[in-house]
Amino acid sequence: MHARNTTAAVLAVLALTLTACSSDSDDSKPEAAPSSPAAAPASAAPAGDRHYETAQDIADALTAAGLTVSQPQEQKDDSYITKVGGTPYSLTITDGDGPASGEAGINLFPNPEALGAWIPLSKQFGGIAVTDDQWAVSLPTRNEAARTDSERLAPKVAEALDGTVQQ
């Protein structure tokens, strides 16, 4: 039982370190991720169809909503996301009210259950994210300024993607 709790704790810390609580210094660059939806260029889903297949679809929808978004970069290190068969990406997201407060993440999950297991982990460690059925946009929370910026930005991201704010 102790080994299972320790493993769960390590996975939780690793997941949030690589997603919701990312920082500007990226000394934990990924090694390998399983094949799954890539960030291949694609247009944003039409307003009536909010299903996003790729990280680029999500970035395009955020851009179409007036947010400033950098090109998503696939993260290839081991993390909770990769261990469940998903793919994490890093990027920056701003709304023009100042520079990005740190790296955000787009996490594409293989199924709703994997995302459902990630949400309480993110919340437990103070993460701020916007989610739907198989993806999460994880916003920076590395310090108080980043947290404040992410709390302000999360509703705008949720509106742009028709998602739900998790915090």
Protein backbone atom coordinates (compact mmCIF):
# COMPACT_ATOMS: atom_id res chain seq x y z
CA MET A 1 0.00 0.00 0.00
CA HIS A 2 2.86 2.39 0.85
CA ALA A 3 4.50 1.75 -2.53
CA ARG A 4 1.23 2.50 -4.35
CA ASN A 5 0.77 5.77 -2.42
CA THR A 6 4.37 6.76 -3.10
CA THR A 7 4.02 5.97 -6.81
CA ALA A 8 0.76 7.95 -7.00
CA ALA A 9 2.37 10.92 -5.25
CA VAL A 10 5.39 10.85 -7.58
CA LEU A 11 3.14 10.69 -10.65
CA ALA A 12 1.04 13.57 -9.33
CA VAL A 13 4.08 15.76 -8.72
CA LEU A 14 5.55 14.84 -12.09
CA ALA A 15 2.27 15.54 -13.91
CA LEU A 16 1.87 18.96 -12.42
CA THR A 17 5.52 19.84 -12.73
CA LEU A 18 5.28 19.21 -16.44
CA THR A 19 1.86 20.74 -17.01
CA ALA A 20 -0.03 23.04 -14.68
CA CYS A 21 2.95 24.29 -12.74
CA SER A 22 5.42 24.75 -15.58
CA SER A 23 8.00 27.50 -15.35
CA ASP A 24 10.00 29.58 -17.77
CA SER A 25 13.09 27.44 -17.24
CA ASP A 26 12.55 24.17 -19.01
CA ASP A 27 15.20 21.87 -17.57
CA SER A 28 12.86 18.87 -17.75
CA LYS A 29 12.71 18.49 -21.53
CA PRO A 30 10.92 15.37 -22.71
CA GLU A 31 12.45 12.15 -24.00
CA ALA A 32 9.69 10.25 -25.81
CA ALA A 33 5.93 10.29 -26.19
CA PRO A 34 3.67 7.72 -27.76
CA SER A 35 2.11 8.43 -31.13
CA SER A 36 -1.16 10.26 -30.74
CA PRO A 37 -2.81 13.30 -32.25
CA ALA A 38 0.02 15.55 -33.46
CA ALA A 39 0.12 19.30 -33.64
CA ALA A 40 -0.14 19.21 -37.41
CA PRO A 41 -1.50 22.46 -38.77
CA ALA A 42 -5.27 22.44 -38.99
CA SER A 43 -7.92 25.08 -38.96
CA ALA A 44 -9.92 25.81 -35.85
CA ALA A 45 -13.19 23.96 -35.53
CA PRO A 46 -16.24 25.91 -36.73
CA ALA A 47 -18.28 27.58 -34.00
CA GLY A 48 -20.91 24.82 -34.06
CA ASP A 49 -18.34 22.01 -33.86
CA ARG A 50 -16.03 22.46 -30.88
CA HIS A 51 -14.18 19.13 -31.12
CA TYR A 52 -10.43 19.70 -31.26
CA GLU A 53 -8.25 16.93 -32.70
CA THR A 54 -4.83 18.56 -32.30
CA ALA A 55 -2.98 21.06 -30.14
CA GLN A 56 -2.83 23.31 -33.21
CA ASP A 57 -6.66 23.21 -33.46
CA ILE A 58 -6.82 24.51 -29.89
CA ALA A 59 -4.15 27.17 -30.53
CA ASP A 60 -5.99 28.28 -33.68
CA ALA A 61 -9.30 28.60 -31.79
CA LEU A 62 -7.59 30.70 -29.09
CA THR A 63 -6.05 32.93 -31.77
CA ALA A 64 -9.41 33.29 -33.53
CA ALA A 65 -10.87 34.46 -30.20
CA GLY A 66 -8.32 37.29 -30.04
CA LEU A 67 -5.73 35.73 -27.73
CA THR A 68 -2.04 35.72 -28.59
CA VAL A 69 -0.71 32.17 -28.71
CA SER A 70 2.73 30.77 -29.52
CA GLN A 71 3.25 27.66 -31.65
CA PRO A 72 2.54 24.53 -29.54
CA GLN A 73 5.70 22.46 -28.94
CA GLU A 74 5.33 18.76 -28.18
CA GLN A 75 6.90 17.75 -24.87
CA LYS A 76 8.49 14.31 -25.09
CA ASP A 77 9.55 13.55 -21.51
CA ASP A 78 7.82 11.01 -19.32
CA SER A 79 4.85 12.48 -17.50
CA TYR A 80 1.42 11.41 -16.35
CA ILE A 81 0.11 12.53 -19.73
CA THR A 82 2.52 10.35 -21.72
CA LYS A 83 2.13 7.40 -19.34
CA VAL A 84 -1.62 7.27 -20.04
CA GLY A 85 -1.05 7.52 -23.80
CA GLY A 86 -1.61 11.24 -24.21
CA THR A 87 0.53 14.03 -25.60
CA PRO A 88 1.53 17.24 -23.78
CA TYR A 89 2.46 20.48 -25.56
CA SER A 90 3.86 23.76 -24.23
CA LEU A 91 3.02 27.25 -25.48
CA THR A 92 2.32 30.74 -24.21
CA ILE A 93 -1.09 32.39 -24.10
CA THR A 94 -1.78 36.09 -23.50
CA ASP A 95 -4.67 38.45 -24.04
CA GLY A 96 -2.68 41.60 -24.75
CA ASP A 97 -2.67 42.76 -21.11
CA GLY A 98 1.05 42.18 -20.72
CA PRO A 99 3.59 39.47 -21.48
CA ALA A 100 2.92 35.77 -20.90
CA SER A 101 3.35 34.89 -17.23
CA GLY A 102 4.97 31.55 -18.08
CA GLU A 103 4.42 28.47 -20.16
CA ALA A 104 0.95 27.05 -20.51
CA GLY A 105 0.26 23.53 -21.66
CA ILE A 106 -2.14 21.73 -23.92
CA ASN A 107 -2.62 18.15 -22.82
CA LEU A 108 -4.35 15.78 -25.23
CA PHE A 109 -5.65 12.70 -23.40
CA PRO A 110 -6.46 9.34 -25.01
CA ASN A 111 -9.87 9.15 -23.31
CA PRO A 112 -12.12 11.02 -20.86
CA GLU A 113 -11.13 8.71 -18.00
CA ALA A 114 -7.45 9.71 -18.22
CA LEU A 115 -8.44 13.39 -18.21
CA GLY A 116 -10.83 12.72 -15.32
CA ALA A 117 -7.98 11.26 -13.26
CA TRP A 118 -5.73 14.26 -14.08
CA ILE A 119 -8.20 16.99 -13.01
CA PRO A 120 -8.12 16.26 -9.25
CA LEU A 121 -4.32 16.00 -9.38
CA SER A 122 -4.12 19.42 -10.99
CA LYS A 123 -6.53 20.90 -8.44
CA GLN A 124 -4.67 19.29 -5.53
CA PHE A 125 -1.50 21.11 -6.53
CA GLY A 126 -3.21 24.45 -7.19
CA GLY A 127 -3.38 24.15 -10.96
CA ILE A 128 -5.65 26.27 -13.13
CA ALA A 129 -6.89 24.60 -16.30
CA VAL A 130 -9.63 24.69 -18.89
CA THR A 131 -10.92 21.26 -19.92
CA ASP A 132 -13.32 19.49 -22.21
CA ASP A 133 -13.81 15.77 -22.85
CA GLN A 134 -10.23 14.79 -23.85
CA TRP A 135 -8.04 17.88 -23.54
CA ALA A 136 -6.86 20.38 -20.98
CA VAL A 137 -5.27 23.79 -21.36
CA SER A 138 -3.13 24.15 -18.26
CA LEU A 139 -2.24 27.71 -17.27
CA PRO A 140 0.90 28.83 -15.37
CA THR A 141 0.77 29.03 -11.56
CA ARG A 142 4.48 29.14 -10.64
CA ASN A 143 4.14 32.32 -8.57
CA GLU A 144 1.45 34.73 -7.37
CA ALA A 145 1.69 36.97 -10.46
CA ALA A 146 1.31 33.97 -12.79
CA ARG A 147 -1.61 32.64 -10.72
CA THR A 148 -3.37 36.02 -10.80
CA ASP A 149 -2.84 36.30 -14.57
CA SER A 150 -4.09 32.73 -15.12
CA GLU A 151 -7.19 33.32 -12.96
CA ARG A 152 -8.00 36.33 -15.17
CA LEU A 153 -7.21 34.48 -18.41
CA ALA A 154 -8.98 31.16 -17.66
CA PRO A 155 -12.55 32.39 -18.35
CA LYS A 156 -11.41 33.85 -21.69
CA VAL A 157 -9.79 30.54 -22.66
CA ALA A 158 -12.91 28.65 -21.55
CA GLU A 159 -15.16 30.90 -23.62
CA ALA A 160 -12.91 30.59 -26.70
CA LEU A 161 -12.86 26.78 -26.49
CA ASP A 162 -16.30 26.16 -24.98
CA GLY A 163 -14.50 24.47 -22.07
CA THR A 164 -14.79 24.38 -18.28
CA VAL A 165 -12.46 26.18 -15.85
CA GLN A 166 -10.92 23.80 -13.28
CA GLN A 167 -9.15 25.18 -10.18
